[in-house]
PDB file of N, CA and C in Angstrom:
ATOM      1  N   MET A   1      18.335  -3.083  25.553  1.00  0.00           N
ATOM      2  CA  MET A   1      17.603  -1.956  24.989  1.00  0.00           C
ATOM      3  C   MET A   1      16.880  -2.385  23.719  1.00  0.00           C
ATOM      4  N   ALA A   2      15.747  -1.770  23.476  1.00  0.00           N
ATOM      5  CA  ALA A   2      14.961  -2.071  22.291  1.00  0.00           C
ATOM      6  C   ALA A   2      15.562  -1.370  21.082  1.00  0.00           C
ATOM      7  N   LYS A   3      15.509  -2.060  19.960  1.00  0.00           N
ATOM      8  CA  LYS A   3      16.008  -1.456  18.722  1.00  0.00           C
ATOM      9  C   LYS A   3      14.898  -0.627  18.085  1.00  0.00           C
ATOM     10  N   ILE A   4      15.267   0.569  17.656  1.00  0.00           N
ATOM     11  CA  ILE A   4      14.297   1.468  17.020  1.00  0.00           C
ATOM     12  C   ILE A   4      14.515   1.394  15.518  1.00  0.00           C
ATOM     13  N   LYS A   5      13.460   1.053  14.793  1.00  0.00           N
ATOM     14  CA  LYS A   5      13.553   0.958  13.343  1.00  0.00           C
ATOM     15  C   LYS A   5      12.919   2.212  12.723  1.00  0.00           C
ATOM     16  N   PRO A   6      13.559   2.792  11.732  1.00  0.00           N
ATOM     17  CA  PRO A   6      12.956   3.963  11.077  1.00  0.00           C
ATOM     18  C   PRO A   6      11.716   3.554  10.273  1.00  0.00           C
ATOM     19  N   ALA A   7      10.778   4.455  10.219  1.00  0.00           N
ATOM     20  CA  ALA A   7       9.538   4.190   9.476  1.00  0.00           C
ATOM     21  C   ALA A   7       9.838   4.193   7.985  1.00  0.00           C
ATOM     22  N   ARG A   8       9.235   3.254   7.258  1.00  0.00           N
ATOM     23  CA  ARG A   8       9.419   3.181   5.809  1.00  0.00           C
ATOM     24  C   ARG A   8       8.251   3.886   5.128  1.00  0.00           C
ATOM     25  N   SER A   9       8.456   5.141   4.776  1.00  0.00           N
ATOM     26  CA  SER A   9       7.372   5.910   4.156  1.00  0.00           C
ATOM     27  C   SER A   9       7.554   6.045   2.650  1.00  0.00           C
ATOM     28  N   GLY A  10       8.693   5.666   2.103  1.00  0.00           N
ATOM     29  CA  GLY A  10       8.954   5.835   0.677  1.00  0.00           C
ATOM     30  C   GLY A  10       8.058   4.991  -0.198  1.00  0.00           C
ATOM     31  N   LYS A  11       7.838   3.742   0.168  1.00  0.00           N
ATOM     32  CA  LYS A  11       7.034   2.859  -0.670  1.00  0.00           C
ATOM     33  C   LYS A  11       5.563   3.254  -0.654  1.00  0.00           C
ATOM     34  N   LYS A  12       5.067   3.695   0.473  1.00  0.00           N
ATOM     35  CA  LYS A  12       3.656   4.065   0.554  1.00  0.00           C
ATOM     36  C   LYS A  12       3.356   5.299  -0.282  1.00  0.00           C
ATOM     37  N   LYS A  13       4.273   6.243  -0.337  1.00  0.00           N
ATOM     38  CA  LYS A  13       4.031   7.460  -1.101  1.00  0.00           C
ATOM     39  C   LYS A  13       3.968   7.163  -2.593  1.00  0.00           C
ATOM     40  N   THR A  14       4.870   6.335  -3.100  1.00  0.00           N
ATOM     41  CA  THR A  14       4.853   6.042  -4.528  1.00  0.00           C
ATOM     42  C   THR A  14       3.619   5.227  -4.887  1.00  0.00           C
ATOM     43  N   LYS A  15       3.203   4.319  -4.026  1.00  0.00           N
ATOM     44  CA  LYS A  15       2.005   3.533  -4.312  1.00  0.00           C
ATOM     45  C   LYS A  15       0.767   4.433  -4.296  1.00  0.00           C
ATOM     46  N   ALA A  16       0.699   5.362  -3.365  1.00  0.00           N
ATOM     47  CA  ALA A  16      -0.435   6.283  -3.297  1.00  0.00           C
ATOM     48  C   ALA A  16      -0.460   7.175  -4.535  1.00  0.00           C
ATOM     49  N   ASN A  17       0.700   7.606  -4.999  1.00  0.00           N
ATOM     50  CA  ASN A  17       0.752   8.447  -6.194  1.00  0.00           C
ATOM     51  C   ASN A  17       0.301   7.675  -7.430  1.00  0.00           C
ATOM     52  N   LEU A  18       0.701   6.401  -7.525  1.00  0.00           N
ATOM     53  CA  LEU A  18       0.305   5.600  -8.679  1.00  0.00           C
ATOM     54  C   LEU A  18      -1.189   5.317  -8.661  1.00  0.00           C
ATOM     55  N   GLU A  19      -1.770   5.180  -7.490  1.00  0.00           N
ATOM     56  CA  GLU A  19      -3.204   4.933  -7.399  1.00  0.00           C
ATOM     57  C   GLU A  19      -4.011   6.192  -7.690  1.00  0.00           C
ATOM     58  N   ALA A  20      -3.414   7.366  -7.527  1.00  0.00           N
ATOM     59  CA  ALA A  20      -4.133   8.627  -7.746  1.00  0.00           C
ATOM     60  C   ALA A  20      -4.158   9.032  -9.214  1.00  0.00           C
ATOM     61  N   ILE A  21      -3.303   8.447 -10.033  1.00  0.00           N
ATOM     62  CA  ILE A  21      -3.216   8.850 -11.443  1.00  0.00           C
ATOM     63  C   ILE A  21      -4.529   8.616 -12.196  1.00  0.00           C
ATOM     64  N   PRO A  22      -5.175   7.448 -12.092  1.00  0.00           N
ATOM     65  CA  PRO A  22      -6.444   7.282 -12.819  1.00  0.00           C
ATOM     66  C   PRO A  22      -7.528   8.255 -12.376  1.00  0.00           C
ATOM     67  N   CYS A  23      -7.547   8.599 -11.110  1.00  0.00           N
ATOM     68  CA  CYS A  23      -8.535   9.549 -10.605  1.00  0.00           C
ATOM     69  C   CYS A  23      -8.286  10.933 -11.208  1.00  0.00           C
ATOM     70  N   VAL A  24      -7.057  11.356 -11.276  1.00  0.00           N
ATOM     71  CA  VAL A  24      -6.722  12.656 -11.851  1.00  0.00           C
ATOM     72  C   VAL A  24      -7.073  12.675 -13.332  1.00  0.00           C
ATOM     73  N   VAL A  25      -6.790  11.579 -14.040  1.00  0.00           N
ATOM     74  CA  VAL A  25      -7.115  11.505 -15.465  1.00  0.00           C
ATOM     75  C   VAL A  25      -8.622  11.589 -15.664  1.00  0.00           C
ATOM     76  N   ALA A  26      -9.388  10.907 -14.824  1.00  0.00           N
ATOM     77  CA  ALA A  26     -10.851  10.941 -14.945  1.00  0.00           C
ATOM     78  C   ALA A  26     -11.391  12.346 -14.681  1.00  0.00           C
ATOM     79  N   ILE A  27     -10.839  13.039 -13.705  1.00  0.00           N
ATOM     80  CA  ILE A  27     -11.285  14.401 -13.397  1.00  0.00           C
ATOM     81  C   ILE A  27     -10.959  15.341 -14.557  1.00  0.00           C
ATOM     82  N   LEU A  28      -9.764  15.221 -15.111  1.00  0.00           N
ATOM     83  CA  LEU A  28      -9.391  16.074 -16.245  1.00  0.00           C
ATOM     84  C   LEU A  28     -10.255  15.786 -17.464  1.00  0.00           C
ATOM     85  N   ALA A  29     -10.568  14.519 -17.705  1.00  0.00           N
ATOM     86  CA  ALA A  29     -11.429  14.167 -18.831  1.00  0.00           C
ATOM     87  C   ALA A  29     -12.828  14.754 -18.638  1.00  0.00           C
ATOM     88  N   ALA A  30     -13.336  14.714 -17.411  1.00  0.00           N
ATOM     89  CA  ALA A  30     -14.660  15.286 -17.146  1.00  0.00           C
ATOM     90  C   ALA A  30     -14.655  16.796 -17.370  1.00  0.00           C
ATOM     91  N   ILE A  31     -13.600  17.466 -16.957  1.00  0.00           N
ATOM     92  CA  ILE A  31     -13.506  18.918 -17.154  1.00  0.00           C
ATOM     93  C   ILE A  31     -13.470  19.252 -18.646  1.00  0.00           C
ATOM     94  N   VAL A  32     -12.709  18.480 -19.417  1.00  0.00           N
ATOM     95  CA  VAL A  32     -12.624  18.727 -20.857  1.00  0.00           C
ATOM     96  C   VAL A  32     -13.977  18.488 -21.521  1.00  0.00           C
ATOM     97  N   LEU A  33     -14.660  17.408 -21.146  1.00  0.00           N
ATOM     98  CA  LEU A  33     -15.960  17.114 -21.752  1.00  0.00           C
ATOM     99  C   LEU A  33     -16.994  18.192 -21.429  1.00  0.00           C
ATOM    100  N   ILE A  34     -17.007  18.667 -20.206  1.00  0.00           N
ATOM    101  CA  ILE A  34     -17.951  19.727 -19.830  1.00  0.00           C
ATOM    102  C   ILE A  34     -17.620  21.020 -20.573  1.00  0.00           C
ATOM    103  N   SER A  35     -16.326  21.314 -20.713  1.00  0.00           N
ATOM    104  CA  SER A  35     -15.928  22.516 -21.454  1.00  0.00           C
ATOM    105  C   SER A  35     -16.365  22.429 -22.908  1.00  0.00           C
ATOM    106  N   LEU A  36     -16.186  21.266 -23.529  1.00  0.00           N
ATOM    107  CA  LEU A  36     -16.613  21.103 -24.919  1.00  0.00           C
ATOM    108  C   LEU A  36     -18.127  21.190 -25.051  1.00  0.00           C
ATOM    109  N   LEU A  37     -18.846  20.688 -24.078  1.00  0.00           N
ATOM    110  CA  LEU A  37     -20.304  20.787 -24.103  1.00  0.00           C
ATOM    111  C   LEU A  37     -20.752  22.242 -24.048  1.00  0.00           C
ATOM    112  N   PHE A  38     -20.174  23.003 -23.130  1.00  0.00           N
ATOM    113  CA  PHE A  38     -20.521  24.425 -23.034  1.00  0.00           C
ATOM    114  C   PHE A  38     -20.138  25.177 -24.307  1.00  0.00           C
ATOM    115  N   TYR A  39     -19.010  24.833 -24.897  1.00  0.00           N
ATOM    116  CA  TYR A  39     -18.576  25.471 -26.137  1.00  0.00           C
ATOM    117  C   TYR A  39     -19.572  25.177 -27.257  1.00  0.00           C
ATOM    118  N   ALA A  40     -20.019  23.937 -27.355  1.00  0.00           N
ATOM    119  CA  ALA A  40     -20.968  23.560 -28.405  1.00  0.00           C
ATOM    120  C   ALA A  40     -22.305  24.270 -28.184  1.00  0.00           C
ATOM    121  N   ILE A  41     -22.728  24.405 -26.943  1.00  0.00           N
ATOM    122  CA  ILE A  41     -23.987  25.095 -26.671  1.00  0.00           C
ATOM    123  C   ILE A  41     -23.881  26.574 -27.033  1.00  0.00           C
ATOM    124  N   LEU A  42     -22.792  27.212 -26.640  1.00  0.00           N
ATOM    125  CA  LEU A  42     -22.624  28.631 -26.961  1.00  0.00           C
ATOM    126  C   LEU A  42     -22.463  28.880 -28.457  1.00  0.00           C
ATOM    127  N   ARG A  43     -21.805  27.961 -29.135  1.00  0.00           N
ATOM    128  CA  ARG A  43     -21.604  28.138 -30.575  1.00  0.00           C
ATOM    129  C   ARG A  43     -22.920  27.973 -31.328  1.00  0.00           C
ATOM    130  N   SER A  44     -23.767  27.058 -30.900  1.00  0.00           N
ATOM    131  CA  SER A  44     -25.024  26.838 -31.594  1.00  0.00           C
ATOM    132  C   SER A  44     -26.046  27.929 -31.282  1.00  0.00           C
ATOM    133  N   ALA A  45     -25.860  28.635 -30.180  1.00  0.00           N
ATOM    134  CA  ALA A  45     -26.802  29.678 -29.804  1.00  0.00           C
ATOM    135  C   ALA A  45     -26.639  30.923 -30.666  1.00  0.00           C
ATOM    136  N   SER A  46     -25.436  31.164 -31.149  1.00  0.00           N
ATOM    137  CA  SER A  46     -25.220  32.410 -31.903  1.00  0.00           C
ATOM    138  C   SER A  46     -25.246  32.256 -33.380  1.00  0.00           C
TER     139      SER A  46
END
């Protein structure tokens, strides 16, 4: 009979999470910069 090996999904999930961190940081930084830009525009208008 053939031996059935369980799939190793633990290592792939942690590696995928570590690779996603810089992308999340870049998205959050872009949101903050756009918010500050809009704030500066609204503040200078009034």
